[in-house]
Amino acid sequence: MLPLSVDEAITSVAEDHTSGASRIARVALETMALLVVEEKGHARAEDLAEAARRLSEAQPAMAVVHNVAYTFARLVGEGLEPMAVRQQILDEFDTAKERIARTYLKIAPEDAVLVTTSFSDNVLATLQLLHEKGRLSRVHVLEARPLLEGRFLAVALKEAGIPASLSPDAMGPSLVARSAGVLVGADSVLRDGAVVNKVGSYGLALAAKEHGKPFHVACETLKFDARHDATSWPGSPAMNPREVWENPPERVDVDNRYFEVVPASLVTAVVTERGSFAPDLVKTMLAQAK
């Protein structure tokens, strides 16, 4: 049995439906470190494995949570000092955003108008760098219903002095038609190059394909998922229907899902701290990692 504080931390990870995957992964990492602290610096291998499993199950759409938890458990199990492992992973997160932004800068259009959805730390950092370099004209942010995470990104962009507007999700395709392209984050990049992200991303990708615009995904390589492809991914669980319609009539079924798969064929490139990779290259990389 895990300590109560660790149980509570895992519950908080499972209940967090508004933070980006990178932020939730940081909480997962701190939860693993908390387990070591609670067990006086010598967490048992079976407890590390259980905590990693439960954290992974708490956010099944987010490969980064799985990767961080299991990496911590494996390295500590191999005898590395737990707090050194924690710091090493944190350092990867801290440097990744800036490196991702610099990678995108190499391929970004000049004076760009971009479309995005939901909230992503990596997208925010990338847009901030584009703005600093005078390469960004405006950002159209979709609300990302039902939890409206896009509002948080719109506020953050405005606070950074970046011209931004918030739009309903249904406007996404028409906005793409008159933009330079789409830039979104990711919760997972699957082994066939498909991308898991907030519902609405698929529609943006289809619109980008239709209008000949690039669809770029900004994320850490820690979000690469060698376990699943688009067909084996377990899917986004059904969430509380009242988030969509508080009091629907009895005969109306409400299907509320947070995540969806964007097929690899619609992804121009995954922009990471290690470079920009087309889906076919991602597929090769993850096939070698299995």
Protein backbone atom coordinates (compact mmCIF):
# COMPACT_ATOMS: atom_id res chain seq x y z
CA MET A 1 0.00 0.00 0.00
CA LEU A 2 1.32 3.43 -0.94
CA PRO A 3 1.52 6.25 1.63
CA LEU A 4 -1.61 8.39 1.92
CA SER A 5 0.17 11.50 0.62
CA VAL A 6 1.20 9.62 -2.52
CA ASP A 7 -2.32 8.28 -3.00
CA GLU A 8 -3.68 11.82 -2.77
CA ALA A 9 -1.09 13.12 -5.23
CA ILE A 10 -2.02 10.41 -7.75
CA THR A 11 -5.68 11.36 -7.35
CA SER A 12 -4.82 14.99 -8.08
CA VAL A 13 -3.07 13.91 -11.28
CA ALA A 14 -6.13 11.91 -12.35
CA GLU A 15 -8.47 14.83 -11.65
CA ASP A 16 -6.43 17.48 -13.46
CA HIS A 17 -8.23 18.07 -16.76
CA THR A 18 -7.08 21.63 -17.47
CA SER A 19 -3.28 21.61 -17.19
CA GLY A 20 -1.09 20.74 -20.15
CA ALA A 21 0.58 17.35 -20.34
CA SER A 22 4.01 18.77 -19.48
CA ARG A 23 2.72 20.36 -16.28
CA ILE A 24 0.91 17.19 -15.24
CA ALA A 25 4.08 15.18 -15.93
CA ARG A 26 5.97 17.43 -13.53
CA VAL A 27 3.41 16.65 -10.83
CA ALA A 28 3.79 12.95 -11.61
CA LEU A 29 7.55 13.27 -11.21
CA GLU A 30 7.16 15.04 -7.86
CA THR A 31 4.77 12.27 -6.79
CA MET A 32 7.43 9.65 -7.50
CA ALA A 33 9.96 11.71 -5.55
CA LEU A 34 7.45 12.09 -2.69
CA LEU A 35 7.22 8.30 -2.47
CA VAL A 36 10.98 8.14 -1.90
CA VAL A 37 10.77 10.82 0.77
CA GLU A 38 7.89 9.06 2.52
CA GLU A 39 9.87 5.82 2.57
CA LYS A 40 12.89 7.53 4.13
CA GLY A 41 14.92 7.67 0.94
CA HIS A 42 14.70 3.95 0.16
CA ALA A 43 11.51 3.28 -1.76
CA ARG A 44 10.83 -0.40 -2.39
CA ALA A 45 10.94 -1.56 -6.00
CA GLU A 46 7.37 -2.85 -5.81
CA ASP A 47 6.13 0.52 -4.50
CA LEU A 48 7.94 2.40 -7.26
CA ALA A 49 6.38 0.08 -9.82
CA GLU A 50 2.89 0.48 -8.34
CA ALA A 51 3.15 4.28 -8.23
CA ALA A 52 4.37 4.39 -11.83
CA ARG A 53 1.54 2.12 -12.97
CA ARG A 54 -1.14 4.13 -11.21
CA LEU A 55 0.20 7.45 -12.49
CA SER A 56 0.22 6.08 -16.02
CA GLU A 57 -3.38 4.91 -15.62
CA ALA A 58 -4.36 8.28 -14.11
CA GLN A 59 -3.71 10.03 -17.44
CA PRO A 60 -3.80 7.32 -20.10
CA ALA A 61 -3.77 9.79 -23.01
CA MET A 62 -0.51 11.40 -21.85
CA ALA A 63 2.53 9.34 -22.75
CA VAL A 64 4.80 11.80 -20.96
CA VAL A 65 3.25 10.88 -17.59
CA HIS A 66 3.91 7.20 -18.29
CA ASN A 67 7.45 7.88 -19.52
CA VAL A 68 8.43 10.12 -16.62
CA ALA A 69 7.04 7.81 -13.93
CA TYR A 70 8.58 4.65 -15.36
CA THR A 71 11.92 6.32 -16.12
CA PHE A 72 12.16 7.51 -12.53
CA ALA A 73 11.25 4.05 -11.20
CA ARG A 74 13.76 2.31 -13.47
CA LEU A 75 16.70 4.62 -12.74
CA VAL A 76 16.11 4.62 -8.99
CA GLY A 77 15.71 0.85 -9.13
CA GLU A 78 19.10 0.67 -10.81
CA GLY A 79 20.65 2.43 -7.83
CA LEU A 80 20.83 6.07 -8.94
CA GLU A 81 20.26 8.71 -6.29
CA PRO A 82 16.51 9.59 -6.43
CA MET A 83 16.82 13.36 -6.09
CA ALA A 84 19.52 13.42 -8.77
CA VAL A 85 17.16 11.52 -11.10
CA ARG A 86 14.37 13.98 -10.29
CA GLN A 87 16.60 16.95 -11.06
CA GLN A 88 17.82 15.44 -14.31
CA ILE A 89 14.26 14.98 -15.58
CA LEU A 90 13.27 18.47 -14.41
CA ASP A 91 16.26 19.90 -16.26
CA GLU A 92 15.05 18.18 -19.43
CA PHE A 93 11.66 19.87 -19.06
CA ASP A 94 13.20 23.25 -18.25
CA THR A 95 15.41 23.31 -21.33
CA ALA A 96 13.02 21.59 -23.73
CA LYS A 97 10.61 24.52 -24.18
CA GLU A 98 13.32 26.91 -25.30
CA ARG A 99 14.89 24.33 -27.59
CA ILE A 100 11.52 23.44 -29.13
CA ALA A 101 10.89 27.14 -29.79
CA ARG A 102 14.28 27.50 -31.50
CA THR A 103 13.56 24.45 -33.63
CA TYR A 104 10.26 25.92 -34.82
CA LEU A 105 11.90 29.28 -35.51
CA LYS A 106 13.88 27.60 -38.29
CA ILE A 107 10.74 26.56 -40.18
CA ALA A 108 8.21 29.23 -39.16
CA PRO A 109 6.77 31.50 -41.84
CA GLU A 110 7.56 35.22 -41.74
CA ASP A 111 5.04 37.59 -40.17
CA ALA A 112 2.87 34.59 -39.40
CA VAL A 113 -0.79 34.36 -38.51
CA LEU A 114 -1.20 31.03 -36.70
CA VAL A 115 -4.10 28.99 -35.35
CA THR A 116 -3.92 26.89 -32.19
CA THR A 117 -6.21 25.28 -29.64
CA SER A 118 -6.23 24.47 -25.92
CA PHE A 119 -3.22 25.32 -23.72
CA SER A 120 0.33 24.11 -24.22
CA ASP A 121 3.42 25.36 -22.41
CA ASN A 122 5.48 24.49 -25.47
CA VAL A 123 3.20 26.37 -27.84
CA LEU A 124 3.21 29.39 -25.53
CA ALA A 125 7.02 29.43 -25.33
CA THR A 126 7.30 29.02 -29.09
CA LEU A 127 4.88 31.86 -29.80
CA GLN A 128 6.71 34.09 -27.35
CA LEU A 129 10.01 33.52 -29.17
CA LEU A 130 8.40 34.17 -32.57
CA HIS A 131 7.00 37.43 -31.20
CA GLU A 132 10.39 38.47 -29.80
CA LYS A 133 11.95 37.86 -33.20
CA GLY A 134 9.27 39.87 -35.01
CA ARG A 135 8.02 36.78 -36.82
CA LEU A 136 4.46 36.66 -35.45
CA SER A 137 1.55 38.80 -36.60
CA ARG A 138 -1.41 37.27 -34.74
CA VAL A 139 -2.59 34.08 -33.03
CA HIS A 140 -6.11 32.72 -33.31
CA VAL A 141 -6.83 30.59 -30.21
CA LEU A 142 -9.76 28.20 -30.11
CA GLU A 143 -11.64 27.87 -26.83
CA ALA A 144 -11.14 24.09 -26.48
CA ARG A 145 -14.51 23.20 -25.03
CA PRO A 146 -15.78 21.96 -22.68
CA LEU A 147 -13.11 23.09 -20.20
CA LEU A 148 -12.07 26.18 -22.18
CA GLU A 149 -8.31 25.84 -21.74
CA GLY A 150 -7.85 28.09 -24.77
CA ARG A 151 -8.94 31.04 -22.67
CA PHE A 152 -5.89 30.59 -20.44
CA LEU A 153 -3.60 30.64 -23.48
CA ALA A 154 -5.28 33.74 -24.90
CA VAL A 155 -4.75 35.55 -21.60
CA ALA A 156 -1.10 34.43 -21.43
CA LEU A 157 -0.48 35.64 -24.99
CA LYS A 158 -2.06 39.01 -24.28
CA GLU A 159 0.04 39.37 -21.13
CA ALA A 160 3.12 38.71 -23.28
CA GLY A 161 2.09 41.49 -25.65
CA ILE A 162 1.18 39.12 -28.47
CA PRO A 163 -1.84 39.99 -30.65
CA ALA A 164 -4.31 37.18 -30.04
CA SER A 165 -8.01 36.52 -30.40
CA LEU A 166 -10.22 33.82 -28.89
CA SER A 167 -12.69 32.04 -31.16
CA PRO A 168 -15.29 29.27 -30.85
CA ASP A 169 -13.97 25.83 -31.81
CA ALA A 170 -16.27 25.63 -34.83
CA MET A 171 -14.49 28.60 -36.41
CA GLY A 172 -11.20 26.70 -36.57
CA PRO A 173 -11.32 25.50 -40.21
CA SER A 174 -12.27 28.92 -41.59
CA LEU A 175 -9.50 30.55 -39.57
CA VAL A 176 -6.98 28.05 -40.95
CA ALA A 177 -8.03 29.01 -44.48
CA ARG A 178 -6.72 32.54 -43.95
CA SER A 179 -3.72 31.72 -41.75
CA ALA A 180 -0.13 30.69 -42.39
CA GLY A 181 -0.60 27.40 -40.57
CA VAL A 182 -1.48 25.53 -37.39
CA LEU A 183 0.70 25.02 -34.32
CA VAL A 184 -0.59 22.78 -31.52
CA GLY A 185 0.87 20.88 -28.61
CA ALA A 186 0.51 17.16 -28.02
CA ASP A 187 -0.39 14.81 -25.22
CA SER A 188 1.25 11.90 -27.04
CA VAL A 189 3.02 11.16 -30.31
CA LEU A 190 2.22 7.57 -31.26
CA ARG A 191 4.59 5.06 -32.82
CA ASP A 192 3.07 5.48 -36.30
CA GLY A 193 3.53 9.26 -36.21
CA ALA A 194 -0.08 10.00 -35.30
CA VAL A 195 -0.67 12.60 -32.60
CA VAL A 196 -3.00 12.61 -29.60
CA ASN A 197 -4.22 16.06 -28.64
CA LYS A 198 -7.29 17.97 -27.49
CA VAL A 199 -10.51 17.37 -29.40
CA GLY A 200 -10.67 19.88 -32.23
CA SER A 201 -7.11 19.23 -33.37
CA TYR A 202 -8.27 16.73 -36.00
CA GLY A 203 -10.53 19.34 -37.58
CA LEU A 204 -7.67 21.83 -37.71
CA ALA A 205 -5.44 19.22 -39.34
CA LEU A 206 -8.05 18.42 -41.98
CA ALA A 207 -8.48 22.12 -42.73
CA ALA A 208 -4.72 22.59 -42.99
CA LYS A 209 -4.53 19.73 -45.49
CA GLU A 210 -7.43 21.13 -47.51
CA HIS A 211 -5.89 24.59 -47.75
CA GLY A 212 -2.28 23.52 -48.20
CA LYS A 213 -1.15 24.89 -44.83
CA PRO A 214 1.34 23.19 -42.48
CA PHE A 215 0.13 21.41 -39.34
CA HIS A 216 2.98 21.47 -36.81
CA VAL A 217 3.07 19.82 -33.39
CA ALA A 218 5.32 21.20 -30.64
CA CYS A 219 6.29 18.75 -27.90
CA GLU A 220 9.12 17.09 -26.00
CA THR A 221 10.43 13.73 -27.12
CA LEU A 222 9.35 12.52 -23.67
CA LYS A 223 5.86 12.51 -25.15
CA PHE A 224 6.75 9.90 -27.76
CA ASP A 225 4.79 6.72 -27.11
CA ALA A 226 6.31 3.47 -28.38
CA ARG A 227 3.41 1.46 -26.88
CA HIS A 228 0.58 2.46 -29.19
CA ASP A 229 -0.29 3.44 -32.73
CA ALA A 230 -3.51 5.06 -33.95
CA THR A 231 -5.35 1.72 -34.02
CA SER A 232 -4.18 0.35 -30.67
CA TRP A 233 -4.45 3.58 -28.66
CA PRO A 234 -7.13 2.86 -26.03
CA GLY A 235 -9.03 6.04 -26.74
CA SER A 236 -10.16 8.96 -24.66
CA PRO A 237 -12.44 7.97 -21.77
CA ALA A 238 -15.94 9.38 -21.55
CA MET A 239 -16.09 12.33 -19.19
CA ASN A 240 -18.91 13.98 -17.27
CA PRO A 241 -21.67 14.80 -19.80
CA ARG A 242 -22.80 17.74 -17.66
CA GLU A 243 -19.67 19.60 -18.74
CA VAL A 244 -21.27 19.80 -22.20
CA TRP A 245 -24.94 20.17 -21.21
CA GLU A 246 -25.75 20.65 -17.56
CA ASN A 247 -29.31 19.34 -17.69
CA PRO A 248 -29.95 17.50 -20.98
CA PRO A 249 -33.38 15.99 -21.70
CA GLU A 250 -33.71 12.34 -20.71
CA ARG A 251 -33.60 11.06 -24.30
CA VAL A 252 -30.45 12.97 -25.26
CA ASP A 253 -27.12 11.17 -24.89
CA VAL A 254 -24.08 13.42 -24.47
CA ASP A 255 -20.66 12.10 -25.50
CA ASN A 256 -17.89 14.13 -23.86
CA ARG A 257 -14.29 13.24 -24.75
CA TYR A 258 -11.20 15.38 -24.21
CA PHE A 259 -8.70 13.83 -26.64
CA GLU A 260 -8.57 12.53 -30.19
CA VAL A 261 -6.05 11.13 -32.67
CA VAL A 262 -4.75 13.19 -35.57
CA PRO A 263 -3.61 10.72 -38.26
CA ALA A 264 0.04 10.83 -39.26
CA SER A 265 -0.94 11.65 -42.84
CA LEU A 266 -2.20 15.07 -41.67
CA VAL A 267 0.88 15.98 -39.60
CA THR A 268 3.54 18.06 -41.35
CA ALA A 269 6.15 17.64 -38.63
CA VAL A 270 6.63 17.11 -34.91
CA VAL A 271 8.82 19.92 -33.58
CA THR A 272 10.93 18.80 -30.61
CA GLU A 273 13.94 19.84 -28.56
CA ARG A 274 16.01 17.51 -30.73
CA GLY A 275 14.82 18.68 -34.13
CA SER A 276 11.83 18.63 -36.42
CA PHE A 277 10.66 15.18 -37.53
CA ALA A 278 8.20 14.12 -40.22
CA PRO A 279 5.80 11.34 -39.14
CA ASP A 280 7.68 8.69 -41.13
CA LEU A 281 10.86 9.50 -39.23
CA VAL A 282 9.00 9.37 -35.92
CA LYS A 283 7.74 5.94 -36.92
CA THR A 284 11.29 4.76 -37.61
CA MET A 285 12.61 6.21 -34.35
CA LEU A 286 9.93 4.58 -32.22
CA ALA A 287 10.23 1.25 -34.03
CA GLN A 288 13.89 1.21 -33.01
CA ALA A 289 12.96 2.12 -29.42
CA LYS A 290 10.64 -0.86 -28.93
